[in-house]
Amino acid sequence: MRISITFKKQEKYLSLNLLALYYLRTNQIPQAQQTLNRSLEFEPRNSVAYYYLAIIDQNKNEFEASSVLNLYFSKGGNDIDAAYDYARALQAMGKYGEAEKYFKFILKAKKDVLQITVIKRYVEMLITQGEFKKAKNLIRYVQRKATYSVKFMDKELA
């Protein structure tokens, strides 16, 4: 006796996303990619699948990851971790204006949290661009915001 289970379109792509996550966590990367591509066949606007594909591509090359993350955000993705990965990829490619947009998005998303790692990366990018005034203002902001951060990036201010 054979049992057949039918899924609705939404159930299929969601189930495939979960299966792909399992493959990612068990380091079965080719299976994860194949499963994510299959998931996109059922739902081309599946932002989760684009995000997972970007994670896979980022491990290969930041430039490849940026194109997948671009798709992720164009499909309405708004994950903070994805935004940080995308900002870093854009920064690595020298697309500072676009990267700045995502750094600001991340910082605004959690206004009540002092995101030192994000701010540090953002400040380093600003310095690379020669945007010293913006960088200095961000450093001073962090130093005022938290008492333990008084010496935050002091050598960059010199």
Protein backbone atom coordinates (compact mmCIF):
# COMPACT_ATOMS: atom_id res chain seq x y z
CA MET A 1 0.00 0.00 0.00
CA ARG A 2 1.35 3.40 -1.01
CA ILE A 3 0.43 6.54 0.89
CA SER A 4 0.39 9.80 -0.96
CA ILE A 5 0.41 13.18 0.73
CA THR A 6 -0.40 16.31 -1.20
CA PHE A 7 0.81 19.73 -0.17
CA LYS A 8 -0.41 23.14 -1.09
CA LYS A 9 2.03 25.38 -2.92
CA GLN A 10 2.84 27.35 0.26
CA GLU A 11 3.39 24.19 2.29
CA LYS A 12 5.77 22.85 -0.36
CA TYR A 13 8.12 25.79 -0.44
CA LEU A 14 8.03 26.21 3.35
CA SER A 15 8.81 22.53 3.82
CA LEU A 16 11.63 22.78 1.32
CA ASN A 17 13.03 25.79 3.19
CA LEU A 18 13.10 23.75 6.39
CA LEU A 19 14.74 20.83 4.63
CA ALA A 20 17.36 23.18 3.16
CA LEU A 21 18.06 24.58 6.62
CA TYR A 22 18.64 21.04 7.85
CA TYR A 23 21.07 20.44 4.98
CA LEU A 24 22.88 23.71 5.77
CA ARG A 25 23.24 22.84 9.44
CA THR A 26 24.55 19.37 8.60
CA ASN A 27 26.97 20.84 6.04
CA GLN A 28 25.30 19.14 3.06
CA ILE A 29 25.71 22.22 0.88
CA PRO A 30 24.93 20.76 -2.59
CA GLN A 31 21.69 19.26 -1.26
CA ALA A 32 20.80 22.58 0.39
CA GLN A 33 21.35 24.48 -2.86
CA GLN A 34 19.29 22.00 -4.85
CA THR A 35 16.47 22.11 -2.30
CA LEU A 36 16.46 25.92 -2.22
CA ASN A 37 16.32 26.13 -6.00
CA ARG A 38 13.39 23.71 -5.94
CA SER A 39 11.70 25.87 -3.31
CA LEU A 40 12.08 28.89 -5.59
CA GLU A 41 10.29 26.97 -8.36
CA PHE A 42 7.20 26.85 -6.11
CA GLU A 43 7.53 30.43 -4.85
CA PRO A 44 9.83 32.75 -6.85
CA ARG A 45 9.40 35.53 -4.23
CA ASN A 46 10.63 33.26 -1.44
CA SER A 47 12.99 35.64 0.36
CA VAL A 48 14.12 32.99 2.86
CA ALA A 49 15.46 30.81 0.04
CA TYR A 50 17.36 33.78 -1.41
CA TYR A 51 18.85 34.48 2.01
CA TYR A 52 20.02 30.89 2.48
CA LEU A 53 21.49 30.87 -1.03
CA ALA A 54 23.33 34.08 -0.19
CA ILE A 55 24.79 32.45 2.92
CA ILE A 56 26.04 29.58 0.78
CA ASP A 57 27.47 31.95 -1.83
CA GLN A 58 29.08 34.16 0.79
CA ASN A 59 31.16 31.23 1.93
CA LYS A 60 32.40 30.98 -1.66
CA ASN A 61 32.79 34.61 -2.59
CA GLU A 62 31.43 37.93 -1.29
CA PHE A 63 30.82 39.13 -4.85
CA GLU A 64 28.55 36.19 -5.64
CA ALA A 65 26.73 36.63 -2.35
CA SER A 66 25.95 40.25 -3.10
CA SER A 67 23.93 39.37 -6.19
CA VAL A 68 21.84 36.84 -4.28
CA LEU A 69 21.39 39.25 -1.37
CA ASN A 70 20.34 41.92 -3.84
CA LEU A 71 17.61 39.53 -5.01
CA TYR A 72 16.70 38.83 -1.38
CA PHE A 73 16.15 42.52 -0.62
CA SER A 74 14.42 43.21 -3.93
CA LYS A 75 11.90 40.49 -3.00
CA GLY A 76 11.12 42.27 0.27
CA GLY A 77 13.66 40.63 2.57
CA ASN A 78 14.41 42.60 5.71
CA ASP A 79 16.54 40.36 7.92
CA ILE A 80 19.14 42.34 9.91
CA ASP A 81 21.84 39.65 9.59
CA ALA A 82 21.30 39.54 5.84
CA ALA A 83 21.54 43.33 5.71
CA TYR A 84 24.86 43.20 7.56
CA ASP A 85 26.20 40.53 5.21
CA TYR A 86 25.05 42.60 2.24
CA ALA A 87 26.59 45.80 3.61
CA ARG A 88 29.91 43.98 4.09
CA ALA A 89 29.79 42.54 0.57
CA LEU A 90 28.98 45.94 -0.93
CA GLN A 91 31.79 47.48 1.09
CA ALA A 92 34.23 44.85 -0.19
CA MET A 93 33.21 45.73 -3.75
CA GLY A 94 33.71 49.45 -3.13
CA LYS A 95 30.00 50.26 -3.39
CA TYR A 96 30.14 52.51 -0.35
CA GLY A 97 26.95 54.48 -0.96
CA GLU A 98 24.86 51.32 -1.15
CA ALA A 99 26.68 49.78 1.81
CA GLU A 100 26.01 52.90 3.89
CA LYS A 101 22.28 52.54 3.21
CA TYR A 102 22.30 49.04 4.71
CA PHE A 103 24.51 49.99 7.67
CA LYS A 104 22.00 52.74 8.50
CA PHE A 105 19.09 50.32 8.08
CA ILE A 106 20.69 47.93 10.60
CA LEU A 107 21.41 50.67 13.12
CA LYS A 108 17.87 52.08 12.88
CA ALA A 109 16.32 48.63 13.25
CA LYS A 110 17.67 48.33 16.80
CA LYS A 111 17.93 51.89 18.08
CA ASP A 112 17.97 50.78 21.71
CA VAL A 113 20.96 48.46 21.17
CA LEU A 114 24.50 49.77 20.78
CA GLN A 115 25.69 47.62 17.88
CA ILE A 116 29.45 47.97 18.29
CA THR A 117 30.45 45.50 15.56
CA VAL A 118 28.20 47.16 12.99
CA ILE A 119 29.29 50.66 13.97
CA LYS A 120 32.96 49.69 13.90
CA ARG A 121 32.65 48.27 10.39
CA TYR A 122 30.67 51.32 9.28
CA VAL A 123 33.26 53.72 10.76
CA GLU A 124 36.10 51.84 9.06
CA MET A 125 34.28 52.18 5.75
CA LEU A 126 33.72 55.89 6.31
CA ILE A 127 37.42 56.37 7.05
CA THR A 128 38.33 54.47 3.87
CA GLN A 129 36.07 56.85 1.94
CA GLY A 130 37.62 59.91 3.56
CA GLU A 131 34.38 60.72 5.39
CA PHE A 132 36.28 61.64 8.53
CA LYS A 133 33.64 63.96 9.99
CA LYS A 134 30.92 61.27 9.80
CA ALA A 135 33.31 58.70 11.24
CA LYS A 136 34.29 61.01 14.09
CA ASN A 137 30.66 61.77 14.90
CA LEU A 138 29.82 58.05 15.08
CA ILE A 139 32.80 57.33 17.30
CA ARG A 140 31.85 60.20 19.63
CA TYR A 141 28.25 58.93 19.67
CA VAL A 142 29.39 55.50 20.88
CA GLN A 143 31.71 57.02 23.45
CA ARG A 144 28.85 59.14 24.87
CA LYS A 145 26.31 56.33 24.72
CA ALA A 146 28.06 53.83 26.99
CA THR A 147 30.46 54.48 29.81
CA TYR A 148 32.49 51.35 29.08
CA SER A 149 33.05 52.57 25.51
CA VAL A 150 34.89 55.78 26.36
CA LYS A 151 38.02 54.50 24.61
CA PHE A 152 36.10 53.08 21.61
CA MET A 153 38.28 53.52 18.48
CA ASP A 154 40.35 56.25 20.16
CA LYS A 155 43.35 55.65 17.89
CA GLU A 156 41.18 56.34 14.81
CA LEU A 157 40.44 59.79 16.20
CA ALA A 158 44.11 60.72 16.39
